Amino acid sequence: MLIWNLNFFQIMQCVGDFPFFFVQKTDFKGNEPNFVGVGSVEAKVGVNKPELLPKEFSAVIDVAGFLSDGQEKRLAEEIVDLEKDTGFKLRVLAQNYPDTPGLAVRDFWQVDDRTIVFVADPTFGNILNFNVGASVDLDIPRSFWSRLAGKYGNMFYWKEKGEDASIEAAVMAISNCLREPVGVNNCSEVK
C-alpha cells in the first residue's frame, strides 16, 4: 500500500515497536545545509485492538462516535454503490487515538491495492488521513488527497462544522472523484 498522508498507520509502519524516531535538524546557510544535530520525537505506539471491530462487516467503523446512525448508514450505502460502480473499495474508520482497532482493520476489510482506507482522527490536527492502494494511485493524482485534506480536514473546518460534516464531505468528494473518467484533469477539483 502507498501512503501519502502521515497518520497512525504510517507511523506504525515506520517505527514498528519502537516508541521513538529520529529527526535530523538542518539550518541553511547560503545554499548549503548545515546539519546542527539529531533529536528525538515521541511517536504514537502501534495499536491492534480487534475487539473494537464490529461483529458484522461494515465499510464504516465509528469507534469515536462522530456519526449518527443515520449518517453511518448513508455513508455505508454510498460506499456500496461506489464499489459497484467503480470497483474501488472505500473504507472509513472514525477514531480518537489510541481508541482504535488499528492494524486489525487490514484483515477485517481485506485491504488490497484497490482500497482507500480513510481514517478520521482529530488527534493529529488534520482529521482526514488516507491510505491509498497502488491501483488507486494510478487513477487518482496524489495532489487530490492533499487538497481534500486541506479543504475538509483542517482544524478550522471540522471544529466549526463538526467531525461528521468533515467525514461526510470527504466521502462525497472521493466518490465524485472516483466516478470521473480517468484522464489528465480527473480529480482536479475537490467537489
C-alpha atoms as a PDB file:
ATOM      1  CA  MET A   1       0.000   0.000   0.000  1.00  0.00           C
ATOM      2  CA  LEU A   2       1.129   3.529  -0.755  1.00  0.00           C
ATOM      3  CA  ILE A   3       0.547   6.145   1.900  1.00  0.00           C
ATOM      4  CA  TRP A   4       0.503   9.861   1.159  1.00  0.00           C
ATOM      5  CA  ASN A   5      -0.513  11.490   4.444  1.00  0.00           C
ATOM      6  CA  LEU A   6       1.252  10.959   7.730  1.00  0.00           C
ATOM      7  CA  ASN A   7      -1.146   9.161  10.032  1.00  0.00           C
ATOM      8  CA  PHE A   8      -1.182   6.408  12.612  1.00  0.00           C
ATOM      9  CA  PHE A   9      -0.777   3.611  10.020  1.00  0.00           C
ATOM     10  CA  GLN A  10       2.328   5.228   8.551  1.00  0.00           C
ATOM     11  CA  ILE A  11       3.831   5.913  11.949  1.00  0.00           C
ATOM     12  CA  MET A  12       3.350   2.279  12.932  1.00  0.00           C
ATOM     13  CA  GLN A  13       4.913   1.074   9.692  1.00  0.00           C
ATOM     14  CA  CYS A  14       7.855   3.432  10.120  1.00  0.00           C
ATOM     15  CA  VAL A  15       8.684   2.706  13.729  1.00  0.00           C
ATOM     16  CA  GLY A  16       7.204  -0.721  14.425  1.00  0.00           C
ATOM     17  CA  ASP A  17       7.574  -1.406  18.135  1.00  0.00           C
ATOM     18  CA  PHE A  18       9.975   1.470  18.750  1.00  0.00           C
ATOM     19  CA  PRO A  19       8.425   4.386  20.637  1.00  0.00           C
ATOM     20  CA  PHE A  20      10.793   6.984  19.157  1.00  0.00           C
ATOM     21  CA  PHE A  21      12.098   8.006  15.769  1.00  0.00           C
ATOM     22  CA  PHE A  22      14.893  10.403  14.913  1.00  0.00           C
ATOM     23  CA  VAL A  23      14.554  13.753  13.239  1.00  0.00           C
ATOM     24  CA  GLN A  24      17.514  15.432  11.653  1.00  0.00           C
ATOM     25  CA  LYS A  25      17.536  19.187  12.116  1.00  0.00           C
ATOM     26  CA  THR A  26      19.040  21.388   9.446  1.00  0.00           C
ATOM     27  CA  ASP A  27      19.970  25.013   9.240  1.00  0.00           C
ATOM     28  CA  PHE A  28      20.582  26.546   5.819  1.00  0.00           C
ATOM     29  CA  LYS A  29      23.488  28.939   5.469  1.00  0.00           C
ATOM     30  CA  GLY A  30      23.670  30.219   1.939  1.00  0.00           C
ATOM     31  CA  ASN A  31      22.582  27.362  -0.291  1.00  0.00           C
ATOM     32  CA  GLU A  32      24.241  24.631   1.754  1.00  0.00           C
ATOM     33  CA  PRO A  33      22.503  22.759   4.582  1.00  0.00           C
ATOM     34  CA  ASN A  34      24.293  22.840   7.906  1.00  0.00           C
ATOM     35  CA  PHE A  35      23.370  19.815   9.997  1.00  0.00           C
ATOM     36  CA  VAL A  36      23.090  21.033  13.543  1.00  0.00           C
ATOM     37  CA  GLY A  37      22.083  17.864  15.369  1.00  0.00           C
ATOM     38  CA  VAL A  38      19.776  14.962  15.783  1.00  0.00           C
ATOM     39  CA  GLY A  39      16.875  14.932  18.207  1.00  0.00           C
ATOM     40  CA  SER A  40      14.140  12.500  19.053  1.00  0.00           C
ATOM     41  CA  VAL A  41      10.394  12.912  18.896  1.00  0.00           C
ATOM     42  CA  GLU A  42       7.940  10.637  20.658  1.00  0.00           C
ATOM     43  CA  ALA A  43       5.826   8.700  18.133  1.00  0.00           C
ATOM     44  CA  LYS A  44       2.448   7.106  18.667  1.00  0.00           C
ATOM     45  CA  VAL A  45       2.769   3.434  19.538  1.00  0.00           C
ATOM     46  CA  GLY A  46       1.110   0.965  17.161  1.00  0.00           C
ATOM     47  CA  VAL A  47      -2.337  -0.285  18.129  1.00  0.00           C
ATOM     48  CA  ASN A  48      -4.033  -3.574  17.266  1.00  0.00           C
ATOM     49  CA  LYS A  49      -7.376  -3.958  19.067  1.00  0.00           C
ATOM     50  CA  PRO A  50      -9.627  -6.309  17.073  1.00  0.00           C
ATOM     51  CA  GLU A  51     -12.122  -6.250  19.959  1.00  0.00           C
ATOM     52  CA  LEU A  52     -13.137  -2.752  18.784  1.00  0.00           C
ATOM     53  CA  LEU A  53     -14.256  -4.083  15.397  1.00  0.00           C
ATOM     54  CA  PRO A  54     -17.972  -4.654  14.806  1.00  0.00           C
ATOM     55  CA  LYS A  55     -19.295  -8.231  14.831  1.00  0.00           C
ATOM     56  CA  GLU A  56     -20.517  -7.952  11.231  1.00  0.00           C
ATOM     57  CA  PHE A  57     -18.779  -6.402   8.227  1.00  0.00           C
ATOM     58  CA  SER A  58     -19.218  -2.673   7.770  1.00  0.00           C
ATOM     59  CA  ALA A  59     -17.390  -0.297   5.425  1.00  0.00           C
ATOM     60  CA  VAL A  60     -17.786   2.411   8.084  1.00  0.00           C
ATOM     61  CA  ILE A  61     -16.458   1.903  11.613  1.00  0.00           C
ATOM     62  CA  ASP A  62     -17.092   4.764  14.025  1.00  0.00           C
ATOM     63  CA  VAL A  63     -15.421   3.960  17.349  1.00  0.00           C
ATOM     64  CA  ALA A  64     -15.215   7.694  18.156  1.00  0.00           C
ATOM     65  CA  GLY A  65     -18.966   8.327  17.905  1.00  0.00           C
ATOM     66  CA  PHE A  66     -18.639  11.171  15.376  1.00  0.00           C
ATOM     67  CA  LEU A  67     -21.512   9.941  13.180  1.00  0.00           C
ATOM     68  CA  SER A  68     -25.176   9.391  13.919  1.00  0.00           C
ATOM     69  CA  ASP A  69     -26.674   6.007  12.999  1.00  0.00           C
ATOM     70  CA  GLY A  70     -28.369   7.659  10.008  1.00  0.00           C
ATOM     71  CA  GLN A  71     -25.130   9.233   8.788  1.00  0.00           C
ATOM     72  CA  GLU A  72     -23.287   5.952   9.170  1.00  0.00           C
ATOM     73  CA  LYS A  73     -25.986   4.138   7.166  1.00  0.00           C
ATOM     74  CA  ARG A  74     -25.987   6.758   4.368  1.00  0.00           C
ATOM     75  CA  LEU A  75     -22.198   6.649   4.090  1.00  0.00           C
ATOM     76  CA  ALA A  76     -22.215   2.839   4.008  1.00  0.00           C
ATOM     77  CA  GLU A  77     -24.819   2.907   1.202  1.00  0.00           C
ATOM     78  CA  GLU A  78     -22.775   5.446  -0.776  1.00  0.00           C
ATOM     79  CA  ILE A  79     -19.680   3.275  -0.369  1.00  0.00           C
ATOM     80  CA  VAL A  80     -21.500   0.120  -1.541  1.00  0.00           C
ATOM     81  CA  ASP A  81     -22.759   1.974  -4.636  1.00  0.00           C
ATOM     82  CA  LEU A  82     -19.296   3.390  -5.284  1.00  0.00           C
ATOM     83  CA  GLU A  83     -17.708  -0.056  -5.131  1.00  0.00           C
ATOM     84  CA  LYS A  84     -20.330  -1.480  -7.526  1.00  0.00           C
ATOM     85  CA  ASP A  85     -19.818   1.391  -9.984  1.00  0.00           C
ATOM     86  CA  THR A  86     -16.020   1.699  -9.882  1.00  0.00           C
ATOM     87  CA  GLY A  87     -14.536  -1.446  -8.343  1.00  0.00           C
ATOM     88  CA  PHE A  88     -12.655   0.637  -5.774  1.00  0.00           C
ATOM     89  CA  LYS A  89     -13.138  -0.064  -2.072  1.00  0.00           C
ATOM     90  CA  LEU A  90     -13.512   2.890   0.254  1.00  0.00           C
ATOM     91  CA  ARG A  91     -13.345   2.143   3.971  1.00  0.00           C
ATOM     92  CA  VAL A  92     -13.899   4.708   6.732  1.00  0.00           C
ATOM     93  CA  LEU A  93     -12.532   4.485  10.267  1.00  0.00           C
ATOM     94  CA  ALA A  94     -13.506   7.263  12.691  1.00  0.00           C
ATOM     95  CA  GLN A  95     -11.366   7.151  15.813  1.00  0.00           C
ATOM     96  CA  ASN A  96      -9.645   9.036  18.605  1.00  0.00           C
ATOM     97  CA  TYR A  97      -6.171   7.549  19.021  1.00  0.00           C
ATOM     98  CA  PRO A  98      -5.472   5.310  20.984  1.00  0.00           C
ATOM     99  CA  ASP A  99      -9.123   4.139  20.970  1.00  0.00           C
ATOM    100  CA  THR A 100      -8.869   2.424  17.613  1.00  0.00           C
ATOM    101  CA  PRO A 101      -8.869  -1.093  16.199  1.00  0.00           C
ATOM    102  CA  GLY A 102      -5.644  -0.010  14.468  1.00  0.00           C
ATOM    103  CA  LEU A 103      -3.978  -2.610  12.301  1.00  0.00           C
ATOM    104  CA  ALA A 104      -6.865  -5.058  12.824  1.00  0.00           C
ATOM    105  CA  VAL A 105      -8.822  -3.243  10.088  1.00  0.00           C
ATOM    106  CA  ARG A 106      -6.478  -4.569   7.397  1.00  0.00           C
ATOM    107  CA  ASP A 107      -7.698  -8.147   7.751  1.00  0.00           C
ATOM    108  CA  PHE A 108     -11.263  -7.152   8.668  1.00  0.00           C
ATOM    109  CA  TRP A 109     -11.636  -5.099   5.489  1.00  0.00           C
ATOM    110  CA  GLN A 110      -9.337  -7.274   3.359  1.00  0.00           C
ATOM    111  CA  VAL A 111      -7.351  -4.225   2.299  1.00  0.00           C
ATOM    112  CA  ASP A 112      -5.749  -4.568  -1.130  1.00  0.00           C
ATOM    113  CA  ASP A 113      -4.380  -2.405  -3.976  1.00  0.00           C
ATOM    114  CA  ARG A 114      -7.876  -1.163  -4.868  1.00  0.00           C
ATOM    115  CA  THR A 115      -8.663   0.030  -1.338  1.00  0.00           C
ATOM    116  CA  ILE A 116      -8.728   3.508   0.150  1.00  0.00           C
ATOM    117  CA  VAL A 117      -8.621   3.470   3.937  1.00  0.00           C
ATOM    118  CA  PHE A 118      -9.867   6.824   5.184  1.00  0.00           C
ATOM    119  CA  VAL A 119      -9.010   7.417   8.839  1.00  0.00           C
ATOM    120  CA  ALA A 120     -10.826  10.310  10.512  1.00  0.00           C
ATOM    121  CA  ASP A 121      -8.876  11.182  13.646  1.00  0.00           C
ATOM    122  CA  PRO A 122      -8.555  14.682  15.123  1.00  0.00           C
ATOM    123  CA  THR A 123      -5.586  13.623  17.263  1.00  0.00           C
ATOM    124  CA  PHE A 124      -3.118  14.778  14.609  1.00  0.00           C
ATOM    125  CA  GLY A 125      -4.762  18.154  13.829  1.00  0.00           C
ATOM    126  CA  ASN A 126      -5.991  17.451  10.325  1.00  0.00           C
ATOM    127  CA  ILE A 127      -8.848  14.998  10.756  1.00  0.00           C
ATOM    128  CA  LEU A 128      -8.515  13.446   7.267  1.00  0.00           C
ATOM    129  CA  ASN A 129      -5.841  10.803   6.659  1.00  0.00           C
ATOM    130  CA  PHE A 130      -5.723   8.389   3.735  1.00  0.00           C
ATOM    131  CA  ASN A 131      -4.004   5.098   2.975  1.00  0.00           C
ATOM    132  CA  VAL A 132      -4.194   4.589  -0.765  1.00  0.00           C
ATOM    133  CA  GLY A 133      -3.712   1.302  -2.619  1.00  0.00           C
ATOM    134  CA  ALA A 134      -1.326   1.158  -5.582  1.00  0.00           C
ATOM    135  CA  SER A 135      -4.105   0.724  -8.170  1.00  0.00           C
ATOM    136  CA  VAL A 136      -5.953   3.721  -6.777  1.00  0.00           C
ATOM    137  CA  ASP A 137      -2.748   5.724  -7.045  1.00  0.00           C
ATOM    138  CA  LEU A 138      -2.647   5.047 -10.786  1.00  0.00           C
ATOM    139  CA  ASP A 139      -6.076   6.640 -11.348  1.00  0.00           C
ATOM    140  CA  ILE A 140      -6.159   9.458  -8.797  1.00  0.00           C
ATOM    141  CA  PRO A 141      -3.470  12.138  -8.717  1.00  0.00           C
ATOM    142  CA  ARG A 142      -1.547  12.356  -5.464  1.00  0.00           C
ATOM    143  CA  SER A 143      -2.386  16.035  -5.169  1.00  0.00           C
ATOM    144  CA  PHE A 144      -6.096  15.184  -4.774  1.00  0.00           C
ATOM    145  CA  TRP A 145      -5.532  13.715  -1.306  1.00  0.00           C
ATOM    146  CA  SER A 146      -3.653  16.796  -0.106  1.00  0.00           C
ATOM    147  CA  ARG A 147      -6.286  19.156  -1.500  1.00  0.00           C
ATOM    148  CA  LEU A 148      -9.070  17.074   0.060  1.00  0.00           C
ATOM    149  CA  ALA A 149      -7.387  17.066   3.478  1.00  0.00           C
ATOM    150  CA  GLY A 150      -6.714  20.794   3.179  1.00  0.00           C
ATOM    151  CA  LYS A 151     -10.310  21.635   2.294  1.00  0.00           C
ATOM    152  CA  TYR A 152     -12.348  19.421   4.628  1.00  0.00           C
ATOM    153  CA  GLY A 153      -9.824  18.160   7.163  1.00  0.00           C
ATOM    154  CA  ASN A 154      -8.300  21.320   8.510  1.00  0.00           C
ATOM    155  CA  MET A 155      -8.966  22.144  12.138  1.00  0.00           C
ATOM    156  CA  PHE A 156     -10.943  25.289  11.313  1.00  0.00           C
ATOM    157  CA  TYR A 157     -13.375  23.339   9.135  1.00  0.00           C
ATOM    158  CA  TRP A 158     -14.081  20.409  11.434  1.00  0.00           C
ATOM    159  CA  LYS A 159     -14.194  22.480  14.623  1.00  0.00           C
ATOM    160  CA  GLU A 160     -16.754  24.827  13.055  1.00  0.00           C
ATOM    161  CA  LYS A 161     -18.875  22.293  11.181  1.00  0.00           C
ATOM    162  CA  GLY A 162     -18.196  19.149  13.174  1.00  0.00           C
ATOM    163  CA  GLU A 163     -16.256  15.941  12.622  1.00  0.00           C
ATOM    164  CA  ASP A 164     -19.316  14.369  10.998  1.00  0.00           C
ATOM    165  CA  ALA A 165     -19.567  17.092   8.351  1.00  0.00           C
ATOM    166  CA  SER A 166     -15.875  16.714   7.555  1.00  0.00           C
ATOM    167  CA  ILE A 167     -16.224  12.940   7.157  1.00  0.00           C
ATOM    168  CA  GLU A 168     -19.351  13.185   5.000  1.00  0.00           C
ATOM    169  CA  ALA A 169     -17.858  15.874   2.752  1.00  0.00           C
ATOM    170  CA  ALA A 170     -14.686  13.837   2.269  1.00  0.00           C
ATOM    171  CA  VAL A 171     -16.595  10.649   1.365  1.00  0.00           C
ATOM    172  CA  MET A 172     -18.679  12.547  -1.201  1.00  0.00           C
ATOM    173  CA  ALA A 173     -15.573  14.201  -2.678  1.00  0.00           C
ATOM    174  CA  ILE A 174     -13.860  10.798  -3.000  1.00  0.00           C
ATOM    175  CA  SER A 175     -16.997   9.342  -4.574  1.00  0.00           C
ATOM    176  CA  ASN A 176     -17.198  12.200  -7.089  1.00  0.00           C
ATOM    177  CA  CYS A 177     -13.516  11.841  -7.921  1.00  0.00           C
ATOM    178  CA  LEU A 178     -13.634   8.067  -8.447  1.00  0.00           C
ATOM    179  CA  ARG A 179     -16.665   8.430 -10.740  1.00  0.00           C
ATOM    180  CA  GLU A 180     -14.873  10.884 -13.049  1.00  0.00           C
ATOM    181  CA  PRO A 181     -13.392   9.488 -16.254  1.00  0.00           C
ATOM    182  CA  VAL A 182      -9.668   8.816 -15.919  1.00  0.00           C
ATOM    183  CA  GLY A 183      -7.680  11.448 -17.748  1.00  0.00           C
ATOM    184  CA  VAL A 184      -5.388  14.412 -17.450  1.00  0.00           C
ATOM    185  CA  ASN A 185      -7.861  16.531 -15.482  1.00  0.00           C
ATOM    186  CA  ASN A 186      -9.626  13.913 -13.390  1.00  0.00           C
ATOM    187  CA  CYS A 187      -9.992  14.802  -9.729  1.00  0.00           C
ATOM    188  CA  SER A 188      -8.529  18.246 -10.374  1.00  0.00           C
ATOM    189  CA  GLU A 189     -11.244  19.794  -8.180  1.00  0.00           C
ATOM    190  CA  VAL A 190     -12.386  18.716  -4.747  1.00  0.00           C
ATOM    191  CA  LYS A 191     -16.185  18.750  -5.031  1.00  0.00           C
END
